[in-house]
Amino acid sequence: MKDKILALVLYLSGLSMTMIGKIIGVSTQSVMRWIKMFYDKFVENESQANIEEIEVDEMVSYINKKKDHIWIWKAIDHNTRKLIGWQCGD
């Protein structure tokens, strides 16, 4: 459980999932699964009608080689700093 909490804190601090996996000693897929599990369980699905401004952040994470990479996108409510959504993929 401590590893999952540490992974979440490091992710929210801006570290890549690959780096988090290396620090904790688990796979990048495990880190992704833990973050998704946290999001599904704890992030409130509030009405987004009152959101005035959204920040979108992007990261690219390399898997083994530079040609094997994945994009990670996060959308955050600018005023409350709550995570609205995220996506991993091309």
PDB file of N, CA and C in Angstrom:
ATOM      1  N   MET A   1       0.821  -1.199   0.000  1.00  0.00           N
ATOM      2  CA  MET A   1       0.000   0.000   0.000  1.00  0.00           C
ATOM      3  C   MET A   1       0.864   1.262   0.000  1.00  0.00           C
ATOM      4  N   LYS A   2       1.994   1.223   0.728  1.00  0.00           N
ATOM      5  CA  LYS A   2       2.882   2.386   0.771  1.00  0.00           C
ATOM      6  C   LYS A   2       3.441   2.708  -0.606  1.00  0.00           C
ATOM      7  N   ASP A   3       3.737   1.662  -1.397  1.00  0.00           N
ATOM      8  CA  ASP A   3       4.250   1.882  -2.750  1.00  0.00           C
ATOM      9  C   ASP A   3       3.225   2.594  -3.617  1.00  0.00           C
ATOM     10  N   LYS A   4       1.956   2.234  -3.473  1.00  0.00           N
ATOM     11  CA  LYS A   4       0.898   2.854  -4.275  1.00  0.00           C
ATOM     12  C   LYS A   4       0.738   4.328  -3.916  1.00  0.00           C
ATOM     13  N   ILE A   5       0.796   4.628  -2.629  1.00  0.00           N
ATOM     14  CA  ILE A   5       0.673   6.022  -2.189  1.00  0.00           C
ATOM     15  C   ILE A   5       1.884   6.823  -2.654  1.00  0.00           C
ATOM     16  N   LEU A   6       3.078   6.251  -2.519  1.00  0.00           N
ATOM     17  CA  LEU A   6       4.290   6.921  -2.976  1.00  0.00           C
ATOM     18  C   LEU A   6       4.218   7.170  -4.482  1.00  0.00           C
ATOM     19  N   ALA A   7       3.749   6.196  -5.248  1.00  0.00           N
ATOM     20  CA  ALA A   7       3.618   6.356  -6.698  1.00  0.00           C
ATOM     21  C   ALA A   7       2.680   7.503  -7.033  1.00  0.00           C
ATOM     22  N   LEU A   8       1.568   7.598  -6.323  1.00  0.00           N
ATOM     23  CA  LEU A   8       0.606   8.669  -6.570  1.00  0.00           C
ATOM     24  C   LEU A   8       1.208  10.033  -6.242  1.00  0.00           C
ATOM     25  N   VAL A   9       1.891  10.143  -5.118  1.00  0.00           N
ATOM     26  CA  VAL A   9       2.508  11.410  -4.724  1.00  0.00           C
ATOM     27  C   VAL A   9       3.568  11.826  -5.750  1.00  0.00           C
ATOM     28  N   LEU A  10       4.379  10.893  -6.190  1.00  0.00           N
ATOM     29  CA  LEU A  10       5.411  11.207  -7.180  1.00  0.00           C
ATOM     30  C   LEU A  10       4.791  11.612  -8.509  1.00  0.00           C
ATOM     31  N   TYR A  11       3.705  10.947  -8.900  1.00  0.00           N
ATOM     32  CA  TYR A  11       3.012  11.289 -10.148  1.00  0.00           C
ATOM     33  C   TYR A  11       2.429  12.693 -10.081  1.00  0.00           C
ATOM     34  N   LEU A  12       1.786  13.004  -8.975  1.00  0.00           N
ATOM     35  CA  LEU A  12       1.202  14.336  -8.825  1.00  0.00           C
ATOM     36  C   LEU A  12       2.271  15.414  -8.692  1.00  0.00           C
ATOM     37  N   SER A  13       3.500  15.006  -8.353  1.00  0.00           N
ATOM     38  CA  SER A  13       4.622  15.948  -8.292  1.00  0.00           C
ATOM     39  C   SER A  13       5.244  16.181  -9.659  1.00  0.00           C
ATOM     40  N   GLY A  14       4.826  15.386 -10.652  1.00  0.00           N
ATOM     41  CA  GLY A  14       5.292  15.615 -12.013  1.00  0.00           C
ATOM     42  C   GLY A  14       6.281  14.599 -12.550  1.00  0.00           C
ATOM     43  N   LEU A  15       6.622  13.571 -11.788  1.00  0.00           N
ATOM     44  CA  LEU A  15       7.546  12.555 -12.290  1.00  0.00           C
ATOM     45  C   LEU A  15       6.849  11.674 -13.315  1.00  0.00           C
ATOM     46  N   SER A  16       7.612  11.162 -14.248  1.00  0.00           N
ATOM     47  CA  SER A  16       7.054  10.261 -15.250  1.00  0.00           C
ATOM     48  C   SER A  16       6.749   8.909 -14.618  1.00  0.00           C
ATOM     49  N   MET A  17       5.836   8.187 -15.226  1.00  0.00           N
ATOM     50  CA  MET A  17       5.480   6.864 -14.708  1.00  0.00           C
ATOM     51  C   MET A  17       6.657   5.902 -14.815  1.00  0.00           C
ATOM     52  N   THR A  18       7.465   6.073 -15.845  1.00  0.00           N
ATOM     53  CA  THR A  18       8.654   5.231 -15.989  1.00  0.00           C
ATOM     54  C   THR A  18       9.631   5.458 -14.842  1.00  0.00           C
ATOM     55  N   MET A  19       9.870   6.723 -14.521  1.00  0.00           N
ATOM     56  CA  MET A  19      10.792   7.042 -13.428  1.00  0.00           C
ATOM     57  C   MET A  19      10.230   6.554 -12.094  1.00  0.00           C
ATOM     58  N   ILE A  20       8.929   6.710 -11.884  1.00  0.00           N
ATOM     59  CA  ILE A  20       8.306   6.226 -10.650  1.00  0.00           C
ATOM     60  C   ILE A  20       8.501   4.724 -10.523  1.00  0.00           C
ATOM     61  N   GLY A  21       8.287   4.012 -11.627  1.00  0.00           N
ATOM     62  CA  GLY A  21       8.479   2.564 -11.617  1.00  0.00           C
ATOM     63  C   GLY A  21       9.902   2.181 -11.258  1.00  0.00           C
ATOM     64  N   LYS A  22      10.869   2.920 -11.793  1.00  0.00           N
ATOM     65  CA  LYS A  22      12.282   2.630 -11.488  1.00  0.00           C
ATOM     66  C   LYS A  22      12.595   2.904 -10.022  1.00  0.00           C
ATOM     67  N   ILE A  23      12.047   3.996  -9.482  1.00  0.00           N
ATOM     68  CA  ILE A  23      12.305   4.346  -8.079  1.00  0.00           C
ATOM     69  C   ILE A  23      11.726   3.292  -7.140  1.00  0.00           C
ATOM     70  N   ILE A  24      10.490   2.873  -7.413  1.00  0.00           N
ATOM     71  CA  ILE A  24       9.802   1.922  -6.527  1.00  0.00           C
ATOM     72  C   ILE A  24      10.211   0.482  -6.806  1.00  0.00           C
ATOM     73  N   GLY A  25      10.613   0.218  -8.061  1.00  0.00           N
ATOM     74  CA  GLY A  25      11.009  -1.144  -8.433  1.00  0.00           C
ATOM     75  C   GLY A  25       9.861  -1.972  -8.983  1.00  0.00           C
ATOM     76  N   VAL A  26       8.932  -1.298  -9.691  1.00  0.00           N
ATOM     77  CA  VAL A  26       7.803  -1.988 -10.319  1.00  0.00           C
ATOM     78  C   VAL A  26       7.722  -1.550 -11.782  1.00  0.00           C
ATOM     79  N   SER A  27       6.843  -2.193 -12.544  1.00  0.00           N
ATOM     80  CA  SER A  27       6.705  -1.847 -13.958  1.00  0.00           C
ATOM     81  C   SER A  27       5.902  -0.556 -14.132  1.00  0.00           C
ATOM     82  N   THR A  28       6.097   0.077 -15.287  1.00  0.00           N
ATOM     83  CA  THR A  28       5.338   1.278 -15.623  1.00  0.00           C
ATOM     84  C   THR A  28       3.842   0.964 -15.676  1.00  0.00           C
ATOM     85  N   GLN A  29       3.489  -0.215 -16.155  1.00  0.00           N
ATOM     86  CA  GLN A  29       2.084  -0.617 -16.220  1.00  0.00           C
ATOM     87  C   GLN A  29       1.465  -0.697 -14.832  1.00  0.00           C
ATOM     88  N   SER A  30       2.223  -1.153 -13.844  1.00  0.00           N
ATOM     89  CA  SER A  30       1.712  -1.206 -12.468  1.00  0.00           C
ATOM     90  C   SER A  30       1.423   0.203 -11.957  1.00  0.00           C
ATOM     91  N   VAL A  31       2.342   1.130 -12.237  1.00  0.00           N
ATOM     92  CA  VAL A  31       2.141   2.520 -11.812  1.00  0.00           C
ATOM     93  C   VAL A  31       0.895   3.086 -12.469  1.00  0.00           C
ATOM     94  N   MET A  32       0.718   2.858 -13.783  1.00  0.00           N
ATOM     95  CA  MET A  32      -0.474   3.337 -14.490  1.00  0.00           C
ATOM     96  C   MET A  32      -1.744   2.760 -13.877  1.00  0.00           C
ATOM     97  N   ARG A  33      -1.714   1.472 -13.580  1.00  0.00           N
ATOM     98  CA  ARG A  33      -2.883   0.796 -13.000  1.00  0.00           C
ATOM     99  C   ARG A  33      -3.223   1.385 -11.628  1.00  0.00           C
ATOM    100  N   TRP A  34      -2.215   1.666 -10.804  1.00  0.00           N
ATOM    101  CA  TRP A  34      -2.461   2.236  -9.470  1.00  0.00           C
ATOM    102  C   TRP A  34      -3.063   3.628  -9.568  1.00  0.00           C
ATOM    103  N   ILE A  35      -2.548   4.446 -10.486  1.00  0.00           N
ATOM    104  CA  ILE A  35      -3.065   5.807 -10.636  1.00  0.00           C
ATOM    105  C   ILE A  35      -4.498   5.771 -11.151  1.00  0.00           C
ATOM    106  N   LYS A  36      -4.782   4.883 -12.104  1.00  0.00           N
ATOM    107  CA  LYS A  36      -6.153   4.755 -12.613  1.00  0.00           C
ATOM    108  C   LYS A  36      -7.092   4.272 -11.506  1.00  0.00           C
ATOM    109  N   MET A  37      -6.622   3.328 -10.696  1.00  0.00           N
ATOM    110  CA  MET A  37      -7.435   2.817  -9.596  1.00  0.00           C
ATOM    111  C   MET A  37      -7.775   3.945  -8.612  1.00  0.00           C
ATOM    112  N   PHE A  38      -6.790   4.779  -8.296  1.00  0.00           N
ATOM    113  CA  PHE A  38      -7.028   5.913  -7.407  1.00  0.00           C
ATOM    114  C   PHE A  38      -8.047   6.866  -8.022  1.00  0.00           C
ATOM    115  N   TYR A  39      -7.864   7.174  -9.285  1.00  0.00           N
ATOM    116  CA  TYR A  39      -8.773   8.098  -9.971  1.00  0.00           C
ATOM    117  C   TYR A  39     -10.205   7.560  -9.952  1.00  0.00           C
ATOM    118  N   ASP A  40     -10.365   6.294 -10.316  1.00  0.00           N
ATOM    119  CA  ASP A  40     -11.706   5.698 -10.366  1.00  0.00           C
ATOM    120  C   ASP A  40     -12.376   5.677  -9.000  1.00  0.00           C
ATOM    121  N   LYS A  41     -11.588   5.513  -7.934  1.00  0.00           N
ATOM    122  CA  LYS A  41     -12.158   5.367  -6.603  1.00  0.00           C
ATOM    123  C   LYS A  41     -12.390   6.691  -5.875  1.00  0.00           C
ATOM    124  N   PHE A  42     -11.478   7.652  -6.039  1.00  0.00           N
ATOM    125  CA  PHE A  42     -11.513   8.826  -5.183  1.00  0.00           C
ATOM    126  C   PHE A  42     -11.819  10.158  -5.855  1.00  0.00           C
ATOM    127  N   VAL A  43     -11.583  10.291  -7.131  1.00  0.00           N
ATOM    128  CA  VAL A  43     -11.818  11.582  -7.779  1.00  0.00           C
ATOM    129  C   VAL A  43     -13.315  11.771  -7.967  1.00  0.00           C
ATOM    130  N   GLU A  44     -13.796  12.889  -7.479  1.00  0.00           N
ATOM    131  CA  GLU A  44     -15.220  13.173  -7.544  1.00  0.00           C
ATOM    132  C   GLU A  44     -15.634  13.443  -8.978  1.00  0.00           C
ATOM    133  N   ASN A  45     -16.783  12.927  -9.341  1.00  0.00           N
ATOM    134  CA  ASN A  45     -17.336  13.186 -10.660  1.00  0.00           C
ATOM    135  C   ASN A  45     -18.358  14.299 -10.545  1.00  0.00           C
ATOM    136  N   GLU A  46     -17.868  15.482 -10.174  1.00  0.00           N
ATOM    137  CA  GLU A  46     -18.744  16.624 -10.003  1.00  0.00           C
ATOM    138  C   GLU A  46     -19.220  17.112 -11.363  1.00  0.00           C
ATOM    139  N   SER A  47     -20.283  17.876 -11.324  1.00  0.00           N
ATOM    140  CA  SER A  47     -20.747  18.518 -12.538  1.00  0.00           C
ATOM    141  C   SER A  47     -19.666  19.481 -13.006  1.00  0.00           C
ATOM    142  N   GLN A  48     -19.349  19.426 -14.274  1.00  0.00           N
ATOM    143  CA  GLN A  48     -18.297  20.277 -14.791  1.00  0.00           C
ATOM    144  C   GLN A  48     -18.857  21.585 -15.337  1.00  0.00           C
ATOM    145  N   ALA A  49     -20.118  21.874 -15.060  1.00  0.00           N
ATOM    146  CA  ALA A  49     -20.740  23.090 -15.567  1.00  0.00           C
ATOM    147  C   ALA A  49     -20.141  24.343 -14.936  1.00  0.00           C
ATOM    148  N   ASN A  50     -19.618  24.247 -13.714  1.00  0.00           N
ATOM    149  CA  ASN A  50     -19.104  25.435 -13.034  1.00  0.00           C
ATOM    150  C   ASN A  50     -17.594  25.634 -13.229  1.00  0.00           C
ATOM    151  N   ILE A  51     -16.964  24.860 -14.074  1.00  0.00           N
ATOM    152  CA  ILE A  51     -15.539  25.022 -14.344  1.00  0.00           C
ATOM    153  C   ILE A  51     -15.355  26.162 -15.336  1.00  0.00           C
ATOM    154  N   GLU A  52     -14.518  27.127 -14.946  1.00  0.00           N
ATOM    155  CA  GLU A  52     -14.299  28.301 -15.787  1.00  0.00           C
ATOM    156  C   GLU A  52     -13.069  28.167 -16.683  1.00  0.00           C
ATOM    157  N   GLU A  53     -12.035  27.524 -16.174  1.00  0.00           N
ATOM    158  CA  GLU A  53     -10.792  27.431 -16.924  1.00  0.00           C
ATOM    159  C   GLU A  53     -10.145  26.077 -16.677  1.00  0.00           C
ATOM    160  N   ILE A  54      -9.686  25.442 -17.743  1.00  0.00           N
ATOM    161  CA  ILE A  54      -9.068  24.124 -17.652  1.00  0.00           C
ATOM    162  C   ILE A  54      -7.621  24.224 -18.129  1.00  0.00           C
ATOM    163  N   GLU A  55      -6.718  23.623 -17.360  1.00  0.00           N
ATOM    164  CA  GLU A  55      -5.322  23.509 -17.774  1.00  0.00           C
ATOM    165  C   GLU A  55      -5.103  22.106 -18.311  1.00  0.00           C
ATOM    166  N   VAL A  56      -4.386  22.000 -19.406  1.00  0.00           N
ATOM    167  CA  VAL A  56      -4.056  20.699 -19.972  1.00  0.00           C
ATOM    168  C   VAL A  56      -2.542  20.573 -19.976  1.00  0.00           C
ATOM    169  N   ASP A  57      -2.056  19.464 -19.445  1.00  0.00           N
ATOM    170  CA  ASP A  57      -0.623  19.219 -19.366  1.00  0.00           C
ATOM    171  C   ASP A  57      -0.330  17.932 -20.119  1.00  0.00           C
ATOM    172  N   GLU A  58       0.784  17.900 -20.810  1.00  0.00           N
ATOM    173  CA  GLU A  58       1.167  16.710 -21.555  1.00  0.00           C
ATOM    174  C   GLU A  58       2.555  16.267 -21.137  1.00  0.00           C
ATOM    175  N   MET A  59       2.762  14.968 -21.172  1.00  0.00           N
ATOM    176  CA  MET A  59       4.076  14.391 -20.916  1.00  0.00           C
ATOM    177  C   MET A  59       4.276  13.268 -21.913  1.00  0.00           C
ATOM    178  N   VAL A  60       5.496  13.008 -22.250  1.00  0.00           N
ATOM    179  CA  VAL A  60       5.797  11.836 -23.062  1.00  0.00           C
ATOM    180  C   VAL A  60       6.699  10.946 -22.222  1.00  0.00           C
ATOM    181  N   SER A  61       6.411   9.662 -22.230  1.00  0.00           N
ATOM    182  CA  SER A  61       7.187   8.700 -21.474  1.00  0.00           C
ATOM    183  C   SER A  61       7.729   7.658 -22.445  1.00  0.00           C
ATOM    184  N   TYR A  62       9.027   7.404 -22.379  1.00  0.00           N
ATOM    185  CA  TYR A  62       9.649   6.442 -23.272  1.00  0.00           C
ATOM    186  C   TYR A  62       9.662   5.066 -22.619  1.00  0.00           C
ATOM    187  N   ILE A  63       9.374   4.059 -23.425  1.00  0.00           N
ATOM    188  CA  ILE A  63       9.343   2.683 -22.942  1.00  0.00           C
ATOM    189  C   ILE A  63      10.463   1.930 -23.651  1.00  0.00           C
ATOM    190  N   ASN A  64      11.513   1.653 -22.944  1.00  0.00           N
ATOM    191  CA  ASN A  64      12.701   0.948 -23.435  1.00  0.00           C
ATOM    192  C   ASN A  64      13.504   1.753 -24.461  1.00  0.00           C
ATOM    193  N   LYS A  65      12.907   2.157 -25.580  1.00  0.00           N
ATOM    194  CA  LYS A  65      13.631   2.858 -26.637  1.00  0.00           C
ATOM    195  C   LYS A  65      12.933   4.176 -26.950  1.00  0.00           C
ATOM    196  N   LYS A  66      13.664   5.103 -27.536  1.00  0.00           N
ATOM    197  CA  LYS A  66      13.088   6.411 -27.881  1.00  0.00           C
ATOM    198  C   LYS A  66      11.932   6.267 -28.866  1.00  0.00           C
ATOM    199  N   LYS A  67      11.971   5.260 -29.739  1.00  0.00           N
ATOM    200  CA  LYS A  67      10.892   5.121 -30.718  1.00  0.00           C
ATOM    201  C   LYS A  67       9.619   4.548 -30.083  1.00  0.00           C
ATOM    202  N   ASP A  68       9.745   3.927 -28.913  1.00  0.00           N
ATOM    203  CA  ASP A  68       8.585   3.387 -28.194  1.00  0.00           C
ATOM    204  C   ASP A  68       8.204   4.368 -27.094  1.00  0.00           C
ATOM    205  N   HIS A  69       7.204   5.198 -27.363  1.00  0.00           N
ATOM    206  CA  HIS A  69       6.814   6.197 -26.370  1.00  0.00           C
ATOM    207  C   HIS A  69       5.292   6.252 -26.234  1.00  0.00           C
ATOM    208  N   ILE A  70       4.857   6.849 -25.153  1.00  0.00           N
ATOM    209  CA  ILE A  70       3.426   7.007 -24.896  1.00  0.00           C
ATOM    210  C   ILE A  70       3.193   8.425 -24.382  1.00  0.00           C
ATOM    211  N   TRP A  71       2.104   9.032 -24.823  1.00  0.00           N
ATOM    212  CA  TRP A  71       1.735  10.370 -24.374  1.00  0.00           C
ATOM    213  C   TRP A  71       0.771  10.266 -23.213  1.00  0.00           C
ATOM    214  N   ILE A  72       0.933  11.134 -22.242  1.00  0.00           N
ATOM    215  CA  ILE A  72       0.045  11.186 -21.081  1.00  0.00           C
ATOM    216  C   ILE A  72      -0.489  12.615 -20.990  1.00  0.00           C
ATOM    217  N   TRP A  73      -1.795  12.748 -20.978  1.00  0.00           N
ATOM    218  CA  TRP A  73      -2.447  14.054 -20.920  1.00  0.00           C
ATOM    219  C   TRP A  73      -3.245  14.160 -19.633  1.00  0.00           C
ATOM    220  N   LYS A  74      -3.167  15.313 -18.959  1.00  0.00           N
ATOM    221  CA  LYS A  74      -3.956  15.560 -17.755  1.00  0.00           C
ATOM    222  C   LYS A  74      -4.739  16.858 -17.945  1.00  0.00           C
ATOM    223  N   ALA A  75      -6.011  16.852 -17.544  1.00  0.00           N
ATOM    224  CA  ALA A  75      -6.829  18.062 -17.549  1.00  0.00           C
ATOM    225  C   ALA A  75      -7.143  18.415 -16.101  1.00  0.00           C
ATOM    226  N   ILE A  76      -6.857  19.672 -15.719  1.00  0.00           N
ATOM    227  CA  ILE A  76      -6.999  20.119 -14.337  1.00  0.00           C
ATOM    228  C   ILE A  76      -7.835  21.388 -14.287  1.00  0.00           C
ATOM    229  N   ASP A  77      -8.765  21.455 -13.328  1.00  0.00           N
ATOM    230  CA  ASP A  77      -9.521  22.683 -13.095  1.00  0.00           C
ATOM    231  C   ASP A  77      -8.542  23.728 -12.564  1.00  0.00           C
ATOM    232  N   HIS A  78      -8.403  24.834 -13.274  1.00  0.00           N
ATOM    233  CA  HIS A  78      -7.409  25.853 -12.923  1.00  0.00           C
ATOM    234  C   HIS A  78      -7.637  26.440 -11.529  1.00  0.00           C
ATOM    235  N   ASN A  79      -8.889  26.643 -11.146  1.00  0.00           N
ATOM    236  CA  ASN A  79      -9.188  27.296  -9.870  1.00  0.00           C
ATOM    237  C   ASN A  79      -9.082  26.363  -8.671  1.00  0.00           C
ATOM    238  N   THR A  80      -9.615  25.155  -8.780  1.00  0.00           N
ATOM    239  CA  THR A  80      -9.629  24.241  -7.639  1.00  0.00           C
ATOM    240  C   THR A  80      -8.447  23.272  -7.640  1.00  0.00           C
ATOM    241  N   ARG A  81      -7.724  23.170  -8.765  1.00  0.00           N
ATOM    242  CA  ARG A  81      -6.595  22.257  -8.948  1.00  0.00           C
ATOM    243  C   ARG A  81      -7.020  20.794  -8.904  1.00  0.00           C
ATOM    244  N   LYS A  82      -8.317  20.514  -9.086  1.00  0.00           N
ATOM    245  CA  LYS A  82      -8.798  19.131  -9.106  1.00  0.00           C
ATOM    246  C   LYS A  82      -8.565  18.520 -10.480  1.00  0.00           C
ATOM    247  N   LEU A  83      -8.221  17.250 -10.463  1.00  0.00           N
ATOM    248  CA  LEU A  83      -8.032  16.510 -11.705  1.00  0.00           C
ATOM    249  C   LEU A  83      -9.391  16.254 -12.357  1.00  0.00           C
ATOM    250  N   ILE A  84      -9.557  16.706 -13.580  1.00  0.00           N
ATOM    251  CA  ILE A  84     -10.811  16.485 -14.294  1.00  0.00           C
ATOM    252  C   ILE A  84     -10.756  15.178 -15.061  1.00  0.00           C
ATOM    253  N   GLY A  85      -9.622  14.920 -15.677  1.00  0.00           N
ATOM    254  CA  GLY A  85      -9.482  13.676 -16.447  1.00  0.00           C
ATOM    255  C   GLY A  85      -8.063  13.521 -16.940  1.00  0.00           C
ATOM    256  N   TRP A  86      -7.767  12.326 -17.437  1.00  0.00           N
ATOM    257  CA  TRP A  86      -6.454  12.073 -17.990  1.00  0.00           C
ATOM    258  C   TRP A  86      -6.570  10.991 -19.047  1.00  0.00           C
ATOM    259  N   GLN A  87      -5.587  10.949 -19.921  1.00  0.00           N
ATOM    260  CA  GLN A  87      -5.587   9.979 -21.018  1.00  0.00           C
ATOM    261  C   GLN A  87      -4.176   9.564 -21.327  1.00  0.00           C
ATOM    262  N   CYS A  88      -3.978   8.285 -21.561  1.00  0.00           N
ATOM    263  CA  CYS A  88      -2.697   7.768 -22.007  1.00  0.00           C
ATOM    264  C   CYS A  88      -2.881   7.194 -23.408  1.00  0.00           C
ATOM    265  N   GLY A  89      -1.971   7.495 -24.298  1.00  0.00           N
ATOM    266  CA  GLY A  89      -2.085   6.945 -25.638  1.00  0.00           C
ATOM    267  C   GLY A  89      -1.286   7.739 -26.648  1.00  0.00           C
ATOM    268  N   ASP A  90      -1.605   7.527 -27.916  1.00  0.00           N
ATOM    269  CA  ASP A  90      -0.895   8.192 -29.010  1.00  0.00           C
ATOM    270  C   ASP A  90      -1.215   9.672 -29.052  1.00  0.00           C
TER     271      ASP A  90
END
